[in-house]
Amino acid sequence: MKKILLILSLFFLASCSSTQFVDSWKNEEMPAFKPQKMLVLGITQNLTARKIFEEHLKKEFLKRNINTYEGSTVIDASFTGSEKSEQEINEMISGLSKKGFDAIVLTAVKGVQEERNYDPGYYTVGYRWTRFGRYYYRYQDIYYNPAYYNEYKVYHVETSIYTLEQDDDKSLVWVGAFNIVNPENISNSVKDYVQAIIKKLETDGVISKAL
């Protein structure tokens, strides 16, 4: 659990990135999704980063007339900052229902992948090197000089929407998987990712476009 929380913290701490859509699923058996009071929750021990993410996502839902609250203002940081039993989680959900919440949007990093590619200069076709010896000499540094490599990380992120008014096996409304490539700036990365989520939710017919 500590390793998972560390990964989640890295996502929210290290964030200009490129967000790529991977896949999504919508519960077609679910009636029209019209939550009356929804909670957005990013799981991380970094309170500042969590606040920024939840605030951005909340604003986008509010633009679409969805009454939304930030998880950091409702769920104590100590809850998301440590491992909880299934009973404790169920008690938390029950508490949210008593406060009038009927839906929750949860975002979590599922994994981090290390990637490596060659410097862009080495993608050109080597037609100039007509002699094998010169070609071999020119390109051997690709394998022996680390400077010719570009290393970056890809964060596999998942956002899910659950209704709190259904049984557990029917509560999932929508889930989307995205890749955040080479995150560098937290503000830009959060904005980019939130826009990707909202765009896909609109495309999948889960929410309407902002007026």
C-alpha atoms as a PDB file:
ATOM      1  CA  MET A   1       0.000   0.000   0.000  1.00  0.00           C
ATOM      2  CA  LYS A   2       2.842   2.396   0.819  1.00  0.00           C
ATOM      3  CA  LYS A   3       4.357   1.768  -2.634  1.00  0.00           C
ATOM      4  CA  ILE A   4       1.023   2.545  -4.284  1.00  0.00           C
ATOM      5  CA  LEU A   5       0.673   5.771  -2.328  1.00  0.00           C
ATOM      6  CA  LEU A   6       4.216   6.746  -3.320  1.00  0.00           C
ATOM      7  CA  ILE A   7       3.393   6.239  -6.999  1.00  0.00           C
ATOM      8  CA  LEU A   8       0.223   8.272  -6.636  1.00  0.00           C
ATOM      9  CA  SER A   9       2.165  11.057  -4.965  1.00  0.00           C
ATOM     10  CA  LEU A  10       4.689  11.096  -7.808  1.00  0.00           C
ATOM     11  CA  PHE A  11       1.869  11.559 -10.275  1.00  0.00           C
ATOM     12  CA  PHE A  12       0.492  14.583  -8.493  1.00  0.00           C
ATOM     13  CA  LEU A  13       3.915  16.057  -7.658  1.00  0.00           C
ATOM     14  CA  ALA A  14       5.649  15.653 -11.006  1.00  0.00           C
ATOM     15  CA  SER A  15       3.342  16.745 -13.538  1.00  0.00           C
ATOM     16  CA  CYS A  16       3.925  19.877 -19.490  1.00  0.00           C
ATOM     17  CA  SER A  17       2.672  16.467 -20.203  1.00  0.00           C
ATOM     18  CA  SER A  18       0.791  14.768 -22.957  1.00  0.00           C
ATOM     19  CA  THR A  19      -2.355  12.880 -21.966  1.00  0.00           C
ATOM     20  CA  GLN A  20      -3.292   9.990 -24.234  1.00  0.00           C
ATOM     21  CA  PHE A  21      -6.630   8.213 -24.137  1.00  0.00           C
ATOM     22  CA  VAL A  22      -6.326   4.419 -23.855  1.00  0.00           C
ATOM     23  CA  ASP A  23      -9.771   2.928 -23.293  1.00  0.00           C
ATOM     24  CA  SER A  24     -13.112   3.501 -21.575  1.00  0.00           C
ATOM     25  CA  TRP A  25     -16.226   1.593 -20.544  1.00  0.00           C
ATOM     26  CA  LYS A  26     -19.737   2.838 -19.843  1.00  0.00           C
ATOM     27  CA  ASN A  27     -22.414   0.931 -17.967  1.00  0.00           C
ATOM     28  CA  GLU A  28     -25.179   0.817 -20.579  1.00  0.00           C
ATOM     29  CA  GLU A  29     -27.598  -0.665 -18.044  1.00  0.00           C
ATOM     30  CA  MET A  30     -27.308   2.384 -15.823  1.00  0.00           C
ATOM     31  CA  PRO A  31     -30.200   4.862 -16.042  1.00  0.00           C
ATOM     32  CA  ALA A  32     -29.357   8.413 -17.099  1.00  0.00           C
ATOM     33  CA  PHE A  33     -26.502   9.623 -14.885  1.00  0.00           C
ATOM     34  CA  LYS A  34     -27.787  12.718 -13.089  1.00  0.00           C
ATOM     35  CA  PRO A  35     -26.071  12.978  -9.703  1.00  0.00           C
ATOM     36  CA  GLN A  36     -27.460  15.428  -7.178  1.00  0.00           C
ATOM     37  CA  LYS A  37     -24.285  15.656  -5.101  1.00  0.00           C
ATOM     38  CA  MET A  38     -20.974  14.275  -6.377  1.00  0.00           C
ATOM     39  CA  LEU A  39     -17.531  13.953  -4.774  1.00  0.00           C
ATOM     40  CA  VAL A  40     -14.204  14.053  -6.695  1.00  0.00           C
ATOM     41  CA  LEU A  41     -11.325  12.257  -5.026  1.00  0.00           C
ATOM     42  CA  GLY A  42      -7.655  11.966  -5.938  1.00  0.00           C
ATOM     43  CA  ILE A  43      -5.738   9.449  -3.849  1.00  0.00           C
ATOM     44  CA  THR A  44      -2.417  10.883  -2.728  1.00  0.00           C
ATOM     45  CA  GLN A  45      -0.679  11.833   0.514  1.00  0.00           C
ATOM     46  CA  ASN A  46       0.383  15.163  -0.979  1.00  0.00           C
ATOM     47  CA  LEU A  47      -2.359  17.510   0.206  1.00  0.00           C
ATOM     48  CA  THR A  48      -1.396  20.429  -2.050  1.00  0.00           C
ATOM     49  CA  ALA A  49      -1.351  18.311  -5.193  1.00  0.00           C
ATOM     50  CA  ARG A  50      -4.586  16.614  -4.220  1.00  0.00           C
ATOM     51  CA  LYS A  51      -6.252  20.008  -3.727  1.00  0.00           C
ATOM     52  CA  ILE A  52      -5.159  21.283  -7.150  1.00  0.00           C
ATOM     53  CA  PHE A  53      -6.428  18.213  -8.985  1.00  0.00           C
ATOM     54  CA  GLU A  54      -9.765  17.996  -7.203  1.00  0.00           C
ATOM     55  CA  GLU A  55     -10.362  21.722  -7.602  1.00  0.00           C
ATOM     56  CA  HIS A  56      -9.758  21.606 -11.385  1.00  0.00           C
ATOM     57  CA  LEU A  57     -12.047  18.626 -11.888  1.00  0.00           C
ATOM     58  CA  LYS A  58     -14.754  20.082  -9.649  1.00  0.00           C
ATOM     59  CA  LYS A  59     -14.820  23.318 -11.663  1.00  0.00           C
ATOM     60  CA  GLU A  60     -15.372  21.402 -14.906  1.00  0.00           C
ATOM     61  CA  PHE A  61     -18.325  19.495 -13.442  1.00  0.00           C
ATOM     62  CA  LEU A  62     -19.801  22.683 -12.001  1.00  0.00           C
ATOM     63  CA  LYS A  63     -19.716  24.224 -15.494  1.00  0.00           C
ATOM     64  CA  ARG A  64     -22.044  21.398 -16.490  1.00  0.00           C
ATOM     65  CA  ASN A  65     -24.441  22.038 -13.612  1.00  0.00           C
ATOM     66  CA  ILE A  66     -23.290  19.002 -11.617  1.00  0.00           C
ATOM     67  CA  ASN A  67     -23.197  19.775  -7.899  1.00  0.00           C
ATOM     68  CA  THR A  68     -19.643  18.701  -7.037  1.00  0.00           C
ATOM     69  CA  TYR A  69     -17.394  18.825  -3.963  1.00  0.00           C
ATOM     70  CA  GLU A  70     -13.679  18.250  -3.445  1.00  0.00           C
ATOM     71  CA  GLY A  71     -12.709  15.117  -1.546  1.00  0.00           C
ATOM     72  CA  SER A  72     -10.131  17.052   0.473  1.00  0.00           C
ATOM     73  CA  THR A  73     -12.915  19.119   2.049  1.00  0.00           C
ATOM     74  CA  VAL A  74     -15.015  16.086   2.958  1.00  0.00           C
ATOM     75  CA  ILE A  75     -12.681  13.141   3.632  1.00  0.00           C
ATOM     76  CA  ASP A  76      -9.918  13.610   6.183  1.00  0.00           C
ATOM     77  CA  ALA A  77      -6.365  13.332   4.831  1.00  0.00           C
ATOM     78  CA  SER A  78      -5.558  10.642   7.399  1.00  0.00           C
ATOM     79  CA  PHE A  79      -8.066   8.326   5.716  1.00  0.00           C
ATOM     80  CA  THR A  80      -6.499   8.393   2.249  1.00  0.00           C
ATOM     81  CA  GLY A  81      -2.996   8.518   3.728  1.00  0.00           C
ATOM     82  CA  SER A  82      -3.060   5.032   5.209  1.00  0.00           C
ATOM     83  CA  GLU A  83      -4.305   1.564   4.401  1.00  0.00           C
ATOM     84  CA  LYS A  84      -7.887   0.883   5.449  1.00  0.00           C
ATOM     85  CA  SER A  85      -9.895  -2.279   5.998  1.00  0.00           C
ATOM     86  CA  GLU A  86     -12.939  -3.090   3.878  1.00  0.00           C
ATOM     87  CA  GLN A  87     -15.136  -2.342   6.874  1.00  0.00           C
ATOM     88  CA  GLU A  88     -13.579   1.107   7.327  1.00  0.00           C
ATOM     89  CA  ILE A  89     -14.094   1.862   3.642  1.00  0.00           C
ATOM     90  CA  ASN A  90     -17.740   0.779   3.819  1.00  0.00           C
ATOM     91  CA  GLU A  91     -18.229   2.985   6.857  1.00  0.00           C
ATOM     92  CA  MET A  92     -16.738   5.908   4.929  1.00  0.00           C
ATOM     93  CA  ILE A  93     -19.116   5.269   2.024  1.00  0.00           C
ATOM     94  CA  SER A  94     -22.036   5.068   4.423  1.00  0.00           C
ATOM     95  CA  GLY A  95     -20.988   8.395   5.900  1.00  0.00           C
ATOM     96  CA  LEU A  96     -20.916  10.000   2.452  1.00  0.00           C
ATOM     97  CA  SER A  97     -24.421   8.712   1.715  1.00  0.00           C
ATOM     98  CA  LYS A  98     -25.675  10.201   4.979  1.00  0.00           C
ATOM     99  CA  LYS A  99     -24.240  13.547   3.872  1.00  0.00           C
ATOM    100  CA  GLY A 100     -26.261  13.359   0.678  1.00  0.00           C
ATOM    101  CA  PHE A 101     -23.573  12.230  -1.758  1.00  0.00           C
ATOM    102  CA  ASP A 102     -24.917   9.925  -4.461  1.00  0.00           C
ATOM    103  CA  ALA A 103     -21.840   9.639  -6.713  1.00  0.00           C
ATOM    104  CA  ILE A 104     -18.044   9.669  -6.470  1.00  0.00           C
ATOM    105  CA  VAL A 105     -15.296  10.200  -9.050  1.00  0.00           C
ATOM    106  CA  LEU A 106     -12.065   8.424  -8.116  1.00  0.00           C
ATOM    107  CA  THR A 107      -8.697   8.908  -9.825  1.00  0.00           C
ATOM    108  CA  ALA A 108      -5.670   6.704  -9.210  1.00  0.00           C
ATOM    109  CA  VAL A 109      -2.351   5.859 -10.869  1.00  0.00           C
ATOM    110  CA  LYS A 110      -2.333   2.178 -11.831  1.00  0.00           C
ATOM    111  CA  GLY A 111       1.360   2.015 -12.702  1.00  0.00           C
ATOM    112  CA  VAL A 112       4.442   3.788 -14.029  1.00  0.00           C
ATOM    113  CA  GLN A 113       6.390   2.620 -17.074  1.00  0.00           C
ATOM    114  CA  GLU A 114       9.956   3.571 -17.893  1.00  0.00           C
ATOM    115  CA  GLU A 115      10.495   4.332 -21.599  1.00  0.00           C
ATOM    116  CA  ARG A 116      13.616   5.037 -23.632  1.00  0.00           C
ATOM    117  CA  ASN A 117      14.187   6.151 -27.225  1.00  0.00           C
ATOM    118  CA  TYR A 118      17.029   7.483 -29.323  1.00  0.00           C
ATOM    119  CA  ASP A 119      17.830  11.136 -29.747  1.00  0.00           C
ATOM    120  CA  PRO A 120      15.691  12.483 -32.637  1.00  0.00           C
ATOM    121  CA  GLY A 121      18.815  13.111 -34.672  1.00  0.00           C
ATOM    122  CA  TYR A 122      19.321   9.392 -35.074  1.00  0.00           C
ATOM    123  CA  TYR A 123      16.018   8.725 -36.798  1.00  0.00           C
ATOM    124  CA  THR A 124      17.295   9.971 -40.155  1.00  0.00           C
ATOM    125  CA  VAL A 125      18.017   7.382 -42.830  1.00  0.00           C
ATOM    126  CA  GLY A 126      21.743   6.681 -43.065  1.00  0.00           C
ATOM    127  CA  TYR A 127      22.060   6.939 -46.853  1.00  0.00           C
ATOM    128  CA  ARG A 128      25.081   9.219 -46.491  1.00  0.00           C
ATOM    129  CA  TRP A 129      27.175   6.503 -44.922  1.00  0.00           C
ATOM    130  CA  THR A 130      27.932   4.413 -48.007  1.00  0.00           C
ATOM    131  CA  ARG A 131      30.764   2.492 -46.370  1.00  0.00           C
ATOM    132  CA  PHE A 132      30.010  -0.052 -43.681  1.00  0.00           C
ATOM    133  CA  GLY A 133      33.012   0.977 -41.594  1.00  0.00           C
ATOM    134  CA  ARG A 134      31.950   4.609 -41.380  1.00  0.00           C
ATOM    135  CA  TYR A 135      28.345   3.665 -40.666  1.00  0.00           C
ATOM    136  CA  TYR A 136      29.353   1.321 -37.854  1.00  0.00           C
ATOM    137  CA  TYR A 137      31.745   3.893 -36.397  1.00  0.00           C
ATOM    138  CA  ARG A 138      29.112   6.657 -36.556  1.00  0.00           C
ATOM    139  CA  TYR A 139      26.302   4.736 -34.854  1.00  0.00           C
ATOM    140  CA  GLN A 140      28.117   2.648 -32.286  1.00  0.00           C
ATOM    141  CA  ASP A 141      27.856   5.508 -29.811  1.00  0.00           C
ATOM    142  CA  ILE A 142      24.112   4.899 -29.665  1.00  0.00           C
ATOM    143  CA  TYR A 143      24.891   1.816 -27.596  1.00  0.00           C
ATOM    144  CA  TYR A 144      27.847   3.100 -25.627  1.00  0.00           C
ATOM    145  CA  ASN A 145      26.952   6.722 -24.916  1.00  0.00           C
ATOM    146  CA  PRO A 146      23.855   7.186 -22.700  1.00  0.00           C
ATOM    147  CA  ALA A 147      23.564  10.805 -23.880  1.00  0.00           C
ATOM    148  CA  TYR A 148      22.044   9.558 -27.121  1.00  0.00           C
ATOM    149  CA  TYR A 149      19.033   8.178 -25.288  1.00  0.00           C
ATOM    150  CA  ASN A 150      15.932  10.050 -24.188  1.00  0.00           C
ATOM    151  CA  GLU A 151      14.430   8.525 -21.064  1.00  0.00           C
ATOM    152  CA  TYR A 152      10.951   9.366 -19.819  1.00  0.00           C
ATOM    153  CA  LYS A 153       8.079   7.955 -17.811  1.00  0.00           C
ATOM    154  CA  VAL A 154       4.546   7.042 -18.763  1.00  0.00           C
ATOM    155  CA  TYR A 155       1.955   7.132 -15.972  1.00  0.00           C
ATOM    156  CA  HIS A 156      -1.032   4.833 -16.430  1.00  0.00           C
ATOM    157  CA  VAL A 157      -3.947   6.654 -14.804  1.00  0.00           C
ATOM    158  CA  GLU A 158      -7.518   5.512 -14.313  1.00  0.00           C
ATOM    159  CA  THR A 159     -10.600   7.564 -13.440  1.00  0.00           C
ATOM    160  CA  SER A 160     -13.796   5.826 -12.348  1.00  0.00           C
ATOM    161  CA  ILE A 161     -17.275   7.079 -11.546  1.00  0.00           C
ATOM    162  CA  TYR A 162     -19.442   5.203  -9.059  1.00  0.00           C
ATOM    163  CA  THR A 163     -22.989   5.738  -7.910  1.00  0.00           C
ATOM    164  CA  LEU A 164     -23.595   5.279  -4.196  1.00  0.00           C
ATOM    165  CA  GLU A 165     -27.233   4.376  -4.730  1.00  0.00           C
ATOM    166  CA  GLN A 166     -26.702   0.970  -6.348  1.00  0.00           C
ATOM    167  CA  ASP A 167     -25.472  -2.412  -5.132  1.00  0.00           C
ATOM    168  CA  ASP A 168     -21.715  -2.936  -5.312  1.00  0.00           C
ATOM    169  CA  ASP A 169     -21.904  -5.041  -8.492  1.00  0.00           C
ATOM    170  CA  LYS A 170     -23.929  -2.340 -10.259  1.00  0.00           C
ATOM    171  CA  SER A 171     -22.324   0.806  -8.909  1.00  0.00           C
ATOM    172  CA  LEU A 172     -19.725   1.441 -11.644  1.00  0.00           C
ATOM    173  CA  VAL A 173     -21.022   4.089 -14.044  1.00  0.00           C
ATOM    174  CA  TRP A 174     -17.935   4.739 -16.167  1.00  0.00           C
ATOM    175  CA  VAL A 175     -14.209   4.047 -16.177  1.00  0.00           C
ATOM    176  CA  GLY A 176     -11.515   5.555 -18.388  1.00  0.00           C
ATOM    177  CA  ALA A 177      -7.826   4.728 -18.771  1.00  0.00           C
ATOM    178  CA  PHE A 178      -5.273   7.314 -19.856  1.00  0.00           C
ATOM    179  CA  ASN A 179      -1.505   7.605 -20.227  1.00  0.00           C
ATOM    180  CA  ILE A 180       0.292  10.718 -19.045  1.00  0.00           C
ATOM    181  CA  VAL A 181       3.570  10.917 -20.962  1.00  0.00           C
ATOM    182  CA  ASN A 182       6.604  12.623 -19.479  1.00  0.00           C
ATOM    183  CA  PRO A 183       4.908  14.852 -16.876  1.00  0.00           C
ATOM    184  CA  GLU A 184       6.933  17.927 -15.946  1.00  0.00           C
ATOM    185  CA  ASN A 185       4.649  20.683 -14.633  1.00  0.00           C
ATOM    186  CA  ILE A 186       1.858  19.952 -12.181  1.00  0.00           C
ATOM    187  CA  SER A 187      -0.516  22.729 -13.280  1.00  0.00           C
ATOM    188  CA  ASN A 188      -0.262  21.926 -16.987  1.00  0.00           C
ATOM    189  CA  SER A 189      -0.470  18.191 -16.408  1.00  0.00           C
ATOM    190  CA  VAL A 190      -3.534  18.427 -14.189  1.00  0.00           C
ATOM    191  CA  LYS A 191      -5.268  20.755 -16.653  1.00  0.00           C
ATOM    192  CA  ASP A 192      -4.408  18.481 -19.579  1.00  0.00           C
ATOM    193  CA  TYR A 193      -5.618  15.353 -17.809  1.00  0.00           C
ATOM    194  CA  VAL A 194      -8.834  16.904 -16.535  1.00  0.00           C
ATOM    195  CA  GLN A 195      -9.677  18.131 -20.035  1.00  0.00           C
ATOM    196  CA  ALA A 196      -9.074  14.633 -21.403  1.00  0.00           C
ATOM    197  CA  ILE A 197     -11.428  13.126 -18.806  1.00  0.00           C
ATOM    198  CA  ILE A 198     -14.181  15.664 -19.458  1.00  0.00           C
ATOM    199  CA  LYS A 199     -13.907  15.325 -23.251  1.00  0.00           C
ATOM    200  CA  LYS A 200     -14.241  11.549 -23.069  1.00  0.00           C
ATOM    201  CA  LEU A 201     -17.146  11.720 -20.622  1.00  0.00           C
ATOM    202  CA  GLU A 202     -18.949  13.987 -23.084  1.00  0.00           C
ATOM    203  CA  THR A 203     -18.127  11.719 -26.031  1.00  0.00           C
ATOM    204  CA  ASP A 204     -19.375   8.652 -24.144  1.00  0.00           C
ATOM    205  CA  GLY A 205     -22.586  10.449 -23.248  1.00  0.00           C
ATOM    206  CA  VAL A 206     -22.043  10.365 -19.492  1.00  0.00           C
ATOM    207  CA  ILE A 207     -22.217  14.148 -19.066  1.00  0.00           C
ATOM    208  CA  SER A 208     -23.403  16.984 -21.273  1.00  0.00           C
ATOM    209  CA  LYS A 209     -21.244  19.749 -22.709  1.00  0.00           C
ATOM    210  CA  ALA A 210     -20.900  23.018 -20.830  1.00  0.00           C
ATOM    211  CA  LEU A 211     -23.339  25.731 -21.821  1.00  0.00           C
END
